[in-house]
Amino acid sequence: MLSRKRAEKRRKKKQEGTYHFWDLLFEVVFWIPELILLPFRLLFWLVRFLGRSIFDGL
């Protein structure tokens, strides 16, 4: 939901022509934690999937 609002705001700024370097910099700063946490999320989902598929089969 939050990323959808950010995307709409970004699209609106680009259409209005008010998209500046600082806007890009803030977006990069917000995406860095997401990129750092992504491998851990994928690993968590993989372990959860494997656990459910093994233990639900018993």
N, C-alpha and C. Protein backbone atom coordinates (compact mmCIF):
# COMPACT_ATOMS: atom_id res chain seq x y z
N MET A 1 0.82 -1.17 0.00
CA MET A 1 0.00 0.00 0.00
C MET A 1 0.88 1.25 0.00
N LEU A 2 1.91 1.25 0.83
CA LEU A 2 2.79 2.41 0.90
C LEU A 2 3.56 2.59 -0.40
N SER A 3 4.00 1.49 -1.00
CA SER A 3 4.74 1.61 -2.25
C SER A 3 3.82 2.09 -3.38
N ARG A 4 2.54 1.75 -3.31
CA ARG A 4 1.60 2.22 -4.33
C ARG A 4 1.44 3.73 -4.23
N LYS A 5 1.36 4.25 -2.99
CA LYS A 5 1.23 5.69 -2.81
C LYS A 5 2.49 6.40 -3.30
N ARG A 6 3.66 5.80 -2.99
CA ARG A 6 4.91 6.39 -3.45
C ARG A 6 4.96 6.41 -4.98
N ALA A 7 4.53 5.32 -5.60
CA ALA A 7 4.56 5.26 -7.06
C ALA A 7 3.62 6.29 -7.67
N GLU A 8 2.44 6.46 -7.08
CA GLU A 8 1.50 7.46 -7.59
C GLU A 8 2.07 8.87 -7.44
N LYS A 9 2.69 9.13 -6.29
CA LYS A 9 3.27 10.45 -6.06
C LYS A 9 4.41 10.71 -7.05
N ARG A 10 5.24 9.68 -7.30
CA ARG A 10 6.35 9.82 -8.24
C ARG A 10 5.83 10.09 -9.65
N ARG A 11 4.80 9.34 -10.04
CA ARG A 11 4.22 9.51 -11.37
C ARG A 11 3.64 10.92 -11.52
N LYS A 12 2.98 11.39 -10.48
CA LYS A 12 2.38 12.73 -10.52
C LYS A 12 3.46 13.80 -10.64
N LYS A 13 4.56 13.64 -9.88
CA LYS A 13 5.64 14.63 -9.95
C LYS A 13 6.29 14.63 -11.32
N LYS A 14 6.45 13.45 -11.92
CA LYS A 14 7.05 13.39 -13.26
C LYS A 14 6.16 14.08 -14.28
N GLN A 15 4.85 13.89 -14.16
CA GLN A 15 3.94 14.51 -15.12
C GLN A 15 3.91 16.02 -14.95
N GLU A 16 4.01 16.50 -13.71
CA GLU A 16 3.99 17.94 -13.47
C GLU A 16 5.34 18.59 -13.78
N GLY A 17 6.39 17.77 -13.87
CA GLY A 17 7.70 18.32 -14.15
C GLY A 17 8.40 18.84 -12.91
N THR A 18 7.94 18.42 -11.73
CA THR A 18 8.56 18.89 -10.49
C THR A 18 9.43 17.81 -9.85
N TYR A 19 9.87 16.86 -10.63
CA TYR A 19 10.70 15.77 -10.13
C TYR A 19 12.15 16.21 -10.17
N HIS A 20 12.78 16.32 -9.00
CA HIS A 20 14.13 16.86 -8.91
C HIS A 20 15.13 15.79 -8.47
N PHE A 21 16.37 16.20 -8.43
CA PHE A 21 17.44 15.31 -8.00
C PHE A 21 17.21 14.83 -6.57
N TRP A 22 16.73 15.69 -5.70
CA TRP A 22 16.50 15.32 -4.29
C TRP A 22 15.42 14.25 -4.18
N ASP A 23 14.43 14.31 -5.05
CA ASP A 23 13.40 13.27 -5.05
C ASP A 23 14.02 11.91 -5.39
N LEU A 24 14.89 11.90 -6.37
CA LEU A 24 15.58 10.67 -6.74
C LEU A 24 16.45 10.17 -5.58
N LEU A 25 17.15 11.08 -4.94
CA LEU A 25 18.01 10.71 -3.82
C LEU A 25 17.20 10.11 -2.67
N PHE A 26 16.06 10.69 -2.34
CA PHE A 26 15.20 10.14 -1.29
C PHE A 26 14.67 8.77 -1.66
N GLU A 27 14.33 8.57 -2.91
CA GLU A 27 13.86 7.26 -3.34
C GLU A 27 14.94 6.20 -3.20
N VAL A 28 16.17 6.55 -3.57
CA VAL A 28 17.28 5.61 -3.43
C VAL A 28 17.51 5.28 -1.96
N VAL A 29 17.44 6.29 -1.10
CA VAL A 29 17.64 6.07 0.34
C VAL A 29 16.55 5.16 0.90
N PHE A 30 15.33 5.27 0.42
CA PHE A 30 14.25 4.41 0.89
C PHE A 30 14.37 2.99 0.35
N TRP A 31 14.95 2.81 -0.83
CA TRP A 31 15.06 1.47 -1.43
C TRP A 31 16.23 0.67 -0.91
N ILE A 32 17.25 1.32 -0.37
CA ILE A 32 18.43 0.60 0.12
C ILE A 32 18.06 -0.42 1.21
N PRO A 33 17.28 -0.06 2.23
CA PRO A 33 16.90 -1.08 3.22
C PRO A 33 16.10 -2.22 2.62
N GLU A 34 15.25 -1.92 1.66
CA GLU A 34 14.46 -2.96 1.00
C GLU A 34 15.38 -3.95 0.30
N LEU A 35 16.39 -3.45 -0.39
CA LEU A 35 17.31 -4.33 -1.11
C LEU A 35 18.18 -5.15 -0.16
N ILE A 36 18.50 -4.58 0.99
CA ILE A 36 19.31 -5.31 1.97
C ILE A 36 18.48 -6.43 2.59
N LEU A 37 17.21 -6.19 2.87
CA LEU A 37 16.37 -7.18 3.54
C LEU A 37 15.80 -8.23 2.58
N LEU A 38 15.83 -7.97 1.29
CA LEU A 38 15.23 -8.90 0.33
C LEU A 38 15.80 -10.32 0.41
N PRO A 39 17.10 -10.54 0.47
CA PRO A 39 17.60 -11.93 0.56
C PRO A 39 17.11 -12.66 1.81
N PHE A 40 17.01 -11.94 2.93
CA PHE A 40 16.53 -12.56 4.16
C PHE A 40 15.05 -12.92 4.05
N ARG A 41 14.27 -12.07 3.41
CA ARG A 41 12.85 -12.39 3.19
C ARG A 41 12.70 -13.61 2.30
N LEU A 42 13.47 -13.66 1.23
CA LEU A 42 13.40 -14.81 0.32
C LEU A 42 13.79 -16.10 1.04
N LEU A 43 14.82 -16.05 1.85
CA LEU A 43 15.24 -17.21 2.63
C LEU A 43 14.15 -17.62 3.61
N PHE A 44 13.53 -16.67 4.28
CA PHE A 44 12.44 -16.95 5.20
C PHE A 44 11.27 -17.62 4.48
N TRP A 45 10.89 -17.08 3.32
CA TRP A 45 9.78 -17.66 2.56
C TRP A 45 10.11 -19.07 2.09
N LEU A 46 11.36 -19.30 1.68
CA LEU A 46 11.78 -20.62 1.24
C LEU A 46 11.72 -21.63 2.38
N VAL A 47 12.24 -21.26 3.54
CA VAL A 47 12.21 -22.15 4.71
C VAL A 47 10.77 -22.41 5.13
N ARG A 48 9.96 -21.39 5.11
CA ARG A 48 8.54 -21.55 5.49
C ARG A 48 7.82 -22.47 4.52
N PHE A 49 8.08 -22.29 3.23
CA PHE A 49 7.45 -23.13 2.22
C PHE A 49 7.87 -24.59 2.38
N LEU A 50 9.17 -24.81 2.55
CA LEU A 50 9.66 -26.17 2.71
C LEU A 50 9.12 -26.81 3.99
N GLY A 51 9.08 -26.05 5.07
CA GLY A 51 8.53 -26.56 6.31
C GLY A 51 7.07 -26.93 6.19
N ARG A 52 6.31 -26.10 5.55
CA ARG A 52 4.89 -26.40 5.38
C ARG A 52 4.68 -27.59 4.46
N SER A 53 5.45 -27.68 3.41
CA SER A 53 5.26 -28.78 2.47
C SER A 53 5.69 -30.12 3.08
N ILE A 54 6.70 -30.11 3.93
CA ILE A 54 7.16 -31.34 4.58
C ILE A 54 6.22 -31.77 5.68
N PHE A 55 5.88 -30.83 6.57
CA PHE A 55 5.08 -31.18 7.75
C PHE A 55 3.59 -31.32 7.46
N ASP A 56 3.08 -30.69 6.41
CA ASP A 56 1.68 -30.88 6.05
C ASP A 56 1.48 -32.21 5.33
N GLY A 57 2.55 -32.74 4.79
CA GLY A 57 2.46 -34.04 4.10
C GLY A 57 2.42 -35.21 5.03
N LEU A 58 2.73 -35.01 6.31
CA LEU A 58 2.76 -36.12 7.27
C LEU A 58 1.39 -36.56 7.69
